[in-house]
Amino acid sequence: MPQPAAPSPAPEPAAPEPGPPSPAPVPDIGELVTLINGYRSENGLGPLVTSPALTQAAQWMSEDMAANGYLSHTDSLGRDNLGRLAAFGYDCTAYNTWCGENLAAGTATARETLDAWRNSAGHNDLLLNADFVALGIGCAYNGGSTYGWYWVIELGGEAR
């Protein structure tokens, strides 16, 4: 009488296919805040405080640009920075205060991003504007997008 065959060992799972290379480590947003405040101090200006509302708006915008592969102050919903900030609870018009926005794309570190803004007259003017007292920074990455890294700094005249 034939004996039942011994069960075969389970096959080894196939090695996963290598995925796309990982981007550089996620940049340290706090480092950019420190660099910006150091730059402002070198120019005789006070530090900017981090605003939760400005931070949420900046992060949303960086993620929107990364997801949709664009670089513009008008987001995918058709809002400019003032409309977007109001949607996140920082209403520049109602507060009758200063607001500004800098964007960067393709820079992978806080230092590269600050250097890009410092080397652009309009962006630098916003960094060194004494009317700003608060900021929020966002950063997002999408390897399949045009620029990879997307940075946003929202600036405000009220610490809210």
N, C-alpha and C. Protein backbone atom coordinates (compact mmCIF):
# COMPACT_ATOMS: atom_id res chain seq x y z
N MET A 1 0.85 -1.15 0.00
CA MET A 1 0.00 0.00 0.00
C MET A 1 0.91 1.22 0.00
N PRO A 2 0.62 2.16 -0.91
CA PRO A 2 1.49 3.34 -0.98
C PRO A 2 1.26 4.23 0.24
N GLN A 3 2.35 4.80 0.67
CA GLN A 3 2.32 5.75 1.78
C GLN A 3 2.00 7.14 1.24
N PRO A 4 1.24 7.94 1.97
CA PRO A 4 1.02 9.30 1.50
C PRO A 4 2.35 10.04 1.47
N ALA A 5 2.48 10.89 0.52
CA ALA A 5 3.72 11.67 0.39
C ALA A 5 3.81 12.63 1.56
N ALA A 6 5.03 12.80 1.99
CA ALA A 6 5.26 13.78 3.06
C ALA A 6 4.97 15.16 2.51
N PRO A 7 4.38 16.00 3.34
CA PRO A 7 4.09 17.33 2.83
C PRO A 7 5.39 18.05 2.46
N SER A 8 5.32 18.76 1.40
CA SER A 8 6.48 19.55 0.98
C SER A 8 6.59 20.76 1.88
N PRO A 9 7.81 21.17 2.15
CA PRO A 9 7.93 22.41 2.92
C PRO A 9 7.33 23.56 2.12
N ALA A 10 6.78 24.49 2.85
CA ALA A 10 6.19 25.66 2.19
C ALA A 10 7.28 26.38 1.41
N PRO A 11 6.93 26.85 0.23
CA PRO A 11 7.95 27.58 -0.54
C PRO A 11 8.32 28.88 0.16
N GLU A 12 9.55 29.25 -0.03
CA GLU A 12 10.01 30.53 0.52
C GLU A 12 9.24 31.65 -0.17
N PRO A 13 8.83 32.64 0.58
CA PRO A 13 8.15 33.74 -0.10
C PRO A 13 9.11 34.44 -1.05
N ALA A 14 8.57 34.89 -2.13
CA ALA A 14 9.40 35.59 -3.10
C ALA A 14 9.88 36.90 -2.50
N ALA A 15 11.08 37.24 -2.85
CA ALA A 15 11.62 38.52 -2.37
C ALA A 15 10.81 39.65 -3.00
N PRO A 16 10.50 40.64 -2.21
CA PRO A 16 9.72 41.74 -2.80
C PRO A 16 10.53 42.45 -3.87
N GLU A 17 9.80 42.93 -4.84
CA GLU A 17 10.45 43.72 -5.89
C GLU A 17 10.98 45.00 -5.27
N PRO A 18 12.17 45.42 -5.67
CA PRO A 18 12.65 46.69 -5.11
C PRO A 18 11.76 47.83 -5.57
N GLY A 19 11.45 48.69 -4.63
CA GLY A 19 10.63 49.86 -4.95
C GLY A 19 11.50 51.01 -5.40
N PRO A 20 10.88 52.14 -5.62
CA PRO A 20 11.68 53.30 -6.01
C PRO A 20 12.61 53.69 -4.87
N PRO A 21 13.73 54.29 -5.19
CA PRO A 21 14.63 54.67 -4.12
C PRO A 21 13.96 55.65 -3.16
N SER A 22 14.28 55.50 -1.92
CA SER A 22 13.72 56.40 -0.91
C SER A 22 14.29 57.79 -1.08
N PRO A 23 13.47 58.80 -0.82
CA PRO A 23 14.01 60.16 -0.88
C PRO A 23 14.95 60.38 0.30
N ALA A 24 15.61 61.48 0.28
CA ALA A 24 16.42 61.86 1.43
C ALA A 24 15.53 61.88 2.65
N PRO A 25 16.11 61.78 3.83
CA PRO A 25 15.27 61.83 5.03
C PRO A 25 14.39 63.08 5.03
N VAL A 26 13.24 62.93 5.65
CA VAL A 26 12.31 64.06 5.72
C VAL A 26 13.02 65.24 6.38
N PRO A 27 13.00 66.39 5.73
CA PRO A 27 13.68 67.56 6.30
C PRO A 27 13.09 67.95 7.64
N ASP A 28 13.92 68.56 8.44
CA ASP A 28 13.52 69.02 9.76
C ASP A 28 12.95 70.43 9.64
N ILE A 29 11.64 70.54 9.79
CA ILE A 29 10.96 71.83 9.69
C ILE A 29 11.50 72.78 10.75
N GLY A 30 11.75 72.25 11.95
CA GLY A 30 12.29 73.08 13.04
C GLY A 30 13.63 73.70 12.67
N GLU A 31 14.41 72.98 11.88
CA GLU A 31 15.69 73.53 11.44
C GLU A 31 15.47 74.76 10.57
N LEU A 32 14.48 74.72 9.70
CA LEU A 32 14.21 75.88 8.84
C LEU A 32 13.72 77.06 9.67
N VAL A 33 12.90 76.82 10.68
CA VAL A 33 12.46 77.89 11.57
C VAL A 33 13.69 78.52 12.24
N THR A 34 14.59 77.70 12.74
CA THR A 34 15.81 78.19 13.39
C THR A 34 16.67 78.99 12.42
N LEU A 35 16.84 78.48 11.20
CA LEU A 35 17.64 79.19 10.20
C LEU A 35 17.02 80.53 9.84
N ILE A 36 15.70 80.55 9.65
CA ILE A 36 15.03 81.81 9.31
C ILE A 36 15.17 82.81 10.44
N ASN A 37 14.94 82.37 11.68
CA ASN A 37 15.06 83.29 12.80
C ASN A 37 16.50 83.77 13.00
N GLY A 38 17.47 82.91 12.73
CA GLY A 38 18.87 83.34 12.78
C GLY A 38 19.17 84.38 11.71
N TYR A 39 18.64 84.18 10.53
CA TYR A 39 18.82 85.13 9.42
C TYR A 39 18.17 86.47 9.76
N ARG A 40 16.98 86.41 10.32
CA ARG A 40 16.31 87.66 10.72
C ARG A 40 17.12 88.37 11.81
N SER A 41 17.64 87.62 12.77
CA SER A 41 18.45 88.22 13.84
C SER A 41 19.69 88.90 13.28
N GLU A 42 20.34 88.26 12.31
CA GLU A 42 21.52 88.86 11.66
C GLU A 42 21.18 90.19 11.01
N ASN A 43 19.92 90.37 10.68
CA ASN A 43 19.45 91.58 10.01
C ASN A 43 18.67 92.50 10.95
N GLY A 44 18.85 92.31 12.25
CA GLY A 44 18.27 93.21 13.24
C GLY A 44 16.79 93.03 13.49
N LEU A 45 16.23 91.88 13.11
CA LEU A 45 14.80 91.64 13.27
C LEU A 45 14.54 90.61 14.35
N GLY A 46 13.36 90.68 14.95
CA GLY A 46 12.97 89.71 15.96
C GLY A 46 12.59 88.38 15.34
N PRO A 47 12.52 87.35 16.18
CA PRO A 47 12.16 86.02 15.70
C PRO A 47 10.67 85.92 15.37
N LEU A 48 10.35 84.97 14.54
CA LEU A 48 8.97 84.64 14.20
C LEU A 48 8.52 83.49 15.09
N VAL A 49 7.30 83.56 15.59
CA VAL A 49 6.74 82.46 16.38
C VAL A 49 5.95 81.54 15.46
N THR A 50 5.91 80.28 15.82
CA THR A 50 5.18 79.31 15.02
C THR A 50 3.69 79.41 15.33
N SER A 51 2.90 79.52 14.28
CA SER A 51 1.44 79.60 14.38
C SER A 51 0.84 78.27 13.92
N PRO A 52 -0.01 77.66 14.75
CA PRO A 52 -0.65 76.41 14.32
C PRO A 52 -1.47 76.57 13.04
N ALA A 53 -2.22 77.65 12.91
CA ALA A 53 -3.04 77.85 11.72
C ALA A 53 -2.18 78.04 10.48
N LEU A 54 -1.12 78.84 10.59
CA LEU A 54 -0.23 79.04 9.45
C LEU A 54 0.49 77.74 9.09
N THR A 55 0.85 76.95 10.10
CA THR A 55 1.52 75.67 9.85
C THR A 55 0.59 74.71 9.13
N GLN A 56 -0.66 74.63 9.56
CA GLN A 56 -1.61 73.73 8.90
C GLN A 56 -1.83 74.14 7.45
N ALA A 57 -1.96 75.44 7.20
CA ALA A 57 -2.16 75.93 5.83
C ALA A 57 -0.93 75.63 4.97
N ALA A 58 0.26 75.84 5.52
CA ALA A 58 1.50 75.60 4.77
C ALA A 58 1.66 74.12 4.45
N GLN A 59 1.37 73.26 5.42
CA GLN A 59 1.52 71.82 5.17
C GLN A 59 0.52 71.35 4.13
N TRP A 60 -0.72 71.83 4.24
CA TRP A 60 -1.73 71.46 3.24
C TRP A 60 -1.28 71.88 1.85
N MET A 61 -0.78 73.10 1.72
CA MET A 61 -0.36 73.60 0.41
C MET A 61 0.81 72.81 -0.14
N SER A 62 1.80 72.48 0.69
CA SER A 62 2.94 71.71 0.19
C SER A 62 2.47 70.32 -0.28
N GLU A 63 1.56 69.71 0.45
CA GLU A 63 1.05 68.40 0.06
C GLU A 63 0.21 68.49 -1.22
N ASP A 64 -0.55 69.57 -1.37
CA ASP A 64 -1.36 69.77 -2.57
C ASP A 64 -0.46 69.93 -3.79
N MET A 65 0.58 70.74 -3.67
CA MET A 65 1.50 70.92 -4.80
C MET A 65 2.20 69.61 -5.15
N ALA A 66 2.65 68.86 -4.13
CA ALA A 66 3.34 67.59 -4.37
C ALA A 66 2.40 66.58 -5.04
N ALA A 67 1.18 66.48 -4.54
CA ALA A 67 0.23 65.51 -5.08
C ALA A 67 -0.18 65.84 -6.51
N ASN A 68 -0.24 67.13 -6.81
CA ASN A 68 -0.72 67.56 -8.13
C ASN A 68 0.37 68.06 -9.06
N GLY A 69 1.63 68.03 -8.59
CA GLY A 69 2.77 68.36 -9.45
C GLY A 69 2.79 69.77 -10.00
N TYR A 70 2.53 70.75 -9.17
CA TYR A 70 2.56 72.13 -9.65
C TYR A 70 3.30 73.01 -8.65
N LEU A 71 3.66 74.20 -9.08
CA LEU A 71 4.27 75.21 -8.22
C LEU A 71 3.58 76.53 -8.51
N SER A 72 2.69 76.96 -7.61
CA SER A 72 1.91 78.16 -7.82
C SER A 72 1.34 78.62 -6.49
N HIS A 73 1.10 79.93 -6.38
CA HIS A 73 0.46 80.47 -5.18
C HIS A 73 -1.05 80.23 -5.21
N THR A 74 -1.59 79.78 -6.33
CA THR A 74 -2.99 79.40 -6.44
C THR A 74 -3.07 77.89 -6.28
N ASP A 75 -3.84 77.43 -5.29
CA ASP A 75 -3.89 75.99 -5.02
C ASP A 75 -4.85 75.28 -5.98
N SER A 76 -4.94 73.97 -5.83
CA SER A 76 -5.77 73.18 -6.75
C SER A 76 -7.27 73.45 -6.59
N LEU A 77 -7.66 74.15 -5.52
CA LEU A 77 -9.05 74.53 -5.34
C LEU A 77 -9.33 75.94 -5.85
N GLY A 78 -8.31 76.58 -6.43
CA GLY A 78 -8.47 77.91 -6.99
C GLY A 78 -8.27 79.05 -6.01
N ARG A 79 -7.81 78.76 -4.79
CA ARG A 79 -7.63 79.80 -3.77
C ARG A 79 -6.23 80.39 -3.83
N ASP A 80 -6.14 81.70 -3.57
CA ASP A 80 -4.84 82.31 -3.36
C ASP A 80 -4.47 82.10 -1.90
N ASN A 81 -3.29 82.62 -1.49
CA ASN A 81 -2.88 82.36 -0.12
C ASN A 81 -3.82 82.99 0.91
N LEU A 82 -4.42 84.14 0.62
CA LEU A 82 -5.33 84.75 1.59
C LEU A 82 -6.58 83.90 1.80
N GLY A 83 -7.14 83.39 0.73
CA GLY A 83 -8.31 82.51 0.86
C GLY A 83 -7.97 81.22 1.58
N ARG A 84 -6.81 80.66 1.26
CA ARG A 84 -6.39 79.42 1.91
C ARG A 84 -6.14 79.65 3.40
N LEU A 85 -5.45 80.75 3.75
CA LEU A 85 -5.19 81.03 5.16
C LEU A 85 -6.49 81.22 5.93
N ALA A 86 -7.44 81.92 5.35
CA ALA A 86 -8.74 82.11 6.02
C ALA A 86 -9.43 80.76 6.25
N ALA A 87 -9.32 79.86 5.29
CA ALA A 87 -9.93 78.53 5.44
C ALA A 87 -9.31 77.75 6.58
N PHE A 88 -8.07 78.06 6.92
CA PHE A 88 -7.39 77.38 8.02
C PHE A 88 -7.43 78.19 9.32
N GLY A 89 -8.26 79.24 9.34
CA GLY A 89 -8.48 79.97 10.57
C GLY A 89 -7.56 81.16 10.80
N TYR A 90 -6.83 81.57 9.78
CA TYR A 90 -5.97 82.75 9.90
C TYR A 90 -6.44 83.75 8.85
N ASP A 91 -7.38 84.59 9.23
CA ASP A 91 -8.03 85.50 8.29
C ASP A 91 -7.32 86.85 8.28
N CYS A 92 -6.46 87.03 7.30
CA CYS A 92 -5.64 88.24 7.20
C CYS A 92 -6.50 89.50 7.06
N THR A 93 -7.58 89.40 6.35
CA THR A 93 -8.46 90.55 6.14
C THR A 93 -9.19 90.90 7.43
N ALA A 94 -9.75 89.91 8.08
CA ALA A 94 -10.48 90.16 9.33
C ALA A 94 -9.54 90.67 10.42
N TYR A 95 -8.31 90.15 10.46
CA TYR A 95 -7.34 90.59 11.46
C TYR A 95 -6.70 91.92 11.07
N ASN A 96 -6.93 92.35 9.80
CA ASN A 96 -6.30 93.56 9.28
C ASN A 96 -4.78 93.51 9.51
N THR A 97 -4.20 92.42 9.04
CA THR A 97 -2.78 92.21 9.27
C THR A 97 -2.06 91.80 8.00
N TRP A 98 -0.75 91.82 8.08
CA TRP A 98 0.11 91.41 6.99
C TRP A 98 0.07 89.90 6.82
N CYS A 99 0.14 89.45 5.57
CA CYS A 99 0.28 88.03 5.26
C CYS A 99 1.15 87.89 4.03
N GLY A 100 1.92 86.82 3.98
CA GLY A 100 2.78 86.56 2.84
C GLY A 100 3.04 85.07 2.72
N GLU A 101 3.55 84.68 1.55
CA GLU A 101 3.80 83.27 1.28
C GLU A 101 5.02 83.14 0.38
N ASN A 102 5.94 82.26 0.76
CA ASN A 102 7.06 81.87 -0.10
C ASN A 102 6.90 80.40 -0.43
N LEU A 103 7.20 80.05 -1.67
CA LEU A 103 7.19 78.66 -2.13
C LEU A 103 8.58 78.31 -2.62
N ALA A 104 8.93 77.05 -2.50
CA ALA A 104 10.17 76.53 -3.09
C ALA A 104 9.89 75.11 -3.54
N ALA A 105 10.59 74.68 -4.57
CA ALA A 105 10.44 73.31 -5.05
C ALA A 105 11.79 72.81 -5.55
N GLY A 106 12.02 71.53 -5.33
CA GLY A 106 13.25 70.92 -5.79
C GLY A 106 14.40 71.00 -4.81
N THR A 107 14.22 71.65 -3.68
CA THR A 107 15.26 71.72 -2.66
C THR A 107 14.95 70.68 -1.59
N ALA A 108 15.96 69.88 -1.23
CA ALA A 108 15.73 68.76 -0.33
C ALA A 108 16.06 69.03 1.13
N THR A 109 16.67 70.18 1.41
CA THR A 109 17.03 70.47 2.80
C THR A 109 16.57 71.86 3.20
N ALA A 110 16.52 72.07 4.51
CA ALA A 110 16.15 73.38 5.03
C ALA A 110 17.14 74.44 4.56
N ARG A 111 18.43 74.13 4.61
CA ARG A 111 19.46 75.10 4.21
C ARG A 111 19.32 75.47 2.73
N GLU A 112 19.12 74.49 1.86
CA GLU A 112 18.94 74.78 0.43
C GLU A 112 17.71 75.67 0.20
N THR A 113 16.66 75.40 0.95
CA THR A 113 15.43 76.17 0.79
C THR A 113 15.63 77.61 1.24
N LEU A 114 16.25 77.80 2.40
CA LEU A 114 16.52 79.16 2.85
C LEU A 114 17.44 79.88 1.86
N ASP A 115 18.46 79.21 1.38
CA ASP A 115 19.38 79.84 0.42
C ASP A 115 18.64 80.27 -0.85
N ALA A 116 17.72 79.44 -1.32
CA ALA A 116 16.94 79.80 -2.52
C ALA A 116 16.13 81.06 -2.26
N TRP A 117 15.49 81.14 -1.10
CA TRP A 117 14.69 82.32 -0.78
C TRP A 117 15.55 83.54 -0.56
N ARG A 118 16.68 83.38 0.07
CA ARG A 118 17.58 84.52 0.31
C ARG A 118 18.11 85.09 -1.01
N ASN A 119 18.29 84.23 -2.00
CA ASN A 119 18.86 84.65 -3.28
C ASN A 119 17.82 85.15 -4.26
N SER A 120 16.60 85.30 -3.83
CA SER A 120 15.52 85.83 -4.66
C SER A 120 14.99 87.10 -3.97
N ALA A 121 15.08 88.22 -4.64
CA ALA A 121 14.75 89.50 -4.01
C ALA A 121 13.35 89.50 -3.38
N GLY A 122 12.35 89.07 -4.09
CA GLY A 122 10.99 89.09 -3.56
C GLY A 122 10.81 88.17 -2.37
N HIS A 123 11.37 86.97 -2.45
CA HIS A 123 11.28 86.03 -1.34
C HIS A 123 12.06 86.55 -0.13
N ASN A 124 13.22 87.11 -0.39
CA ASN A 124 14.05 87.65 0.69
C ASN A 124 13.34 88.81 1.39
N ASP A 125 12.67 89.66 0.60
CA ASP A 125 11.92 90.77 1.20
C ASP A 125 10.89 90.28 2.21
N LEU A 126 10.22 89.17 1.89
CA LEU A 126 9.24 88.64 2.83
C LEU A 126 9.91 88.10 4.10
N LEU A 127 11.03 87.41 3.94
CA LEU A 127 11.75 86.89 5.11
C LEU A 127 12.19 88.00 6.05
N LEU A 128 12.54 89.15 5.47
CA LEU A 128 13.08 90.25 6.27
C LEU A 128 12.07 91.37 6.50
N ASN A 129 10.80 91.06 6.37
CA ASN A 129 9.76 92.06 6.60
C ASN A 129 9.48 92.14 8.10
N ALA A 130 9.72 93.30 8.67
CA ALA A 130 9.54 93.50 10.12
C ALA A 130 8.08 93.42 10.55
N ASP A 131 7.14 93.51 9.60
CA ASP A 131 5.72 93.44 9.95
C ASP A 131 5.26 92.01 10.27
N PHE A 132 6.06 91.02 9.91
CA PHE A 132 5.69 89.63 10.20
C PHE A 132 6.18 89.24 11.58
N VAL A 133 5.32 88.54 12.31
CA VAL A 133 5.67 88.06 13.66
C VAL A 133 5.44 86.55 13.80
N ALA A 134 4.76 85.93 12.83
CA ALA A 134 4.41 84.51 12.93
C ALA A 134 4.68 83.82 11.60
N LEU A 135 4.89 82.51 11.68
CA LEU A 135 5.11 81.72 10.48
C LEU A 135 4.56 80.33 10.66
N GLY A 136 4.39 79.67 9.55
CA GLY A 136 4.07 78.24 9.50
C GLY A 136 4.80 77.68 8.30
N ILE A 137 5.37 76.50 8.44
CA ILE A 137 6.15 75.88 7.36
C ILE A 137 5.59 74.51 7.07
N GLY A 138 5.50 74.19 5.79
CA GLY A 138 5.10 72.87 5.34
C GLY A 138 6.09 72.34 4.32
N CYS A 139 6.22 71.02 4.28
CA CYS A 139 7.12 70.38 3.32
C CYS A 139 6.51 69.03 2.94
N ALA A 140 6.57 68.70 1.66
CA ALA A 140 6.04 67.42 1.18
C ALA A 140 6.92 66.92 0.04
N TYR A 141 6.89 65.61 -0.15
CA TYR A 141 7.69 64.96 -1.20
C TYR A 141 6.81 64.05 -2.03
N ASN A 142 7.03 64.09 -3.34
CA ASN A 142 6.39 63.15 -4.26
C ASN A 142 7.41 62.87 -5.36
N GLY A 143 8.00 61.67 -5.31
CA GLY A 143 9.03 61.30 -6.28
C GLY A 143 8.56 61.28 -7.71
N GLY A 144 7.27 61.15 -7.93
CA GLY A 144 6.73 61.13 -9.29
C GLY A 144 6.32 62.50 -9.80
N SER A 145 6.56 63.54 -9.00
CA SER A 145 6.14 64.89 -9.40
C SER A 145 7.28 65.61 -10.11
N THR A 146 6.97 66.77 -10.58
CA THR A 146 7.93 67.57 -11.34
C THR A 146 9.17 67.90 -10.53
N TYR A 147 9.01 68.31 -9.28
CA TYR A 147 10.13 68.82 -8.50
C TYR A 147 10.55 67.93 -7.33
N GLY A 148 9.75 66.94 -6.97
CA GLY A 148 10.08 66.09 -5.82
C GLY A 148 9.67 66.74 -4.52
N TRP A 149 10.49 67.66 -4.03
CA TRP A 149 10.24 68.35 -2.76
C TRP A 149 9.50 69.66 -2.99
N TYR A 150 8.56 69.95 -2.10
CA TYR A 150 7.77 71.18 -2.16
C TYR A 150 7.75 71.80 -0.76
N TRP A 151 8.09 73.09 -0.69
CA TRP A 151 8.15 73.82 0.58
C TRP A 151 7.23 75.02 0.53
N VAL A 152 6.61 75.33 1.66
CA VAL A 152 5.77 76.52 1.78
C VAL A 152 6.05 77.16 3.13
N ILE A 153 6.21 78.48 3.12
CA ILE A 153 6.22 79.24 4.38
C ILE A 153 5.10 80.26 4.28
N GLU A 154 4.24 80.24 5.29
CA GLU A 154 3.18 81.23 5.42
C GLU A 154 3.63 82.19 6.52
N LEU A 155 3.49 83.48 6.26
CA LEU A 155 3.91 84.51 7.19
C LEU A 155 2.72 85.39 7.57
N GLY A 156 2.66 85.78 8.83
CA GLY A 156 1.56 86.60 9.29
C GLY A 156 1.99 87.66 10.28
N GLY A 157 1.18 88.71 10.37
CA GLY A 157 1.46 89.84 11.26
C GLY A 157 0.86 89.69 12.63
N GLU A 158 0.12 88.62 12.88
CA GLU A 158 -0.47 88.35 14.18
C GLU A 158 0.00 86.98 14.64
N ALA A 159 0.31 86.85 15.92
CA ALA A 159 0.74 85.56 16.49
C ALA A 159 -0.50 84.78 16.91
N ARG A 160 -1.15 84.13 15.95
CA ARG A 160 -2.37 83.36 16.22
C ARG A 160 -2.15 81.92 15.85
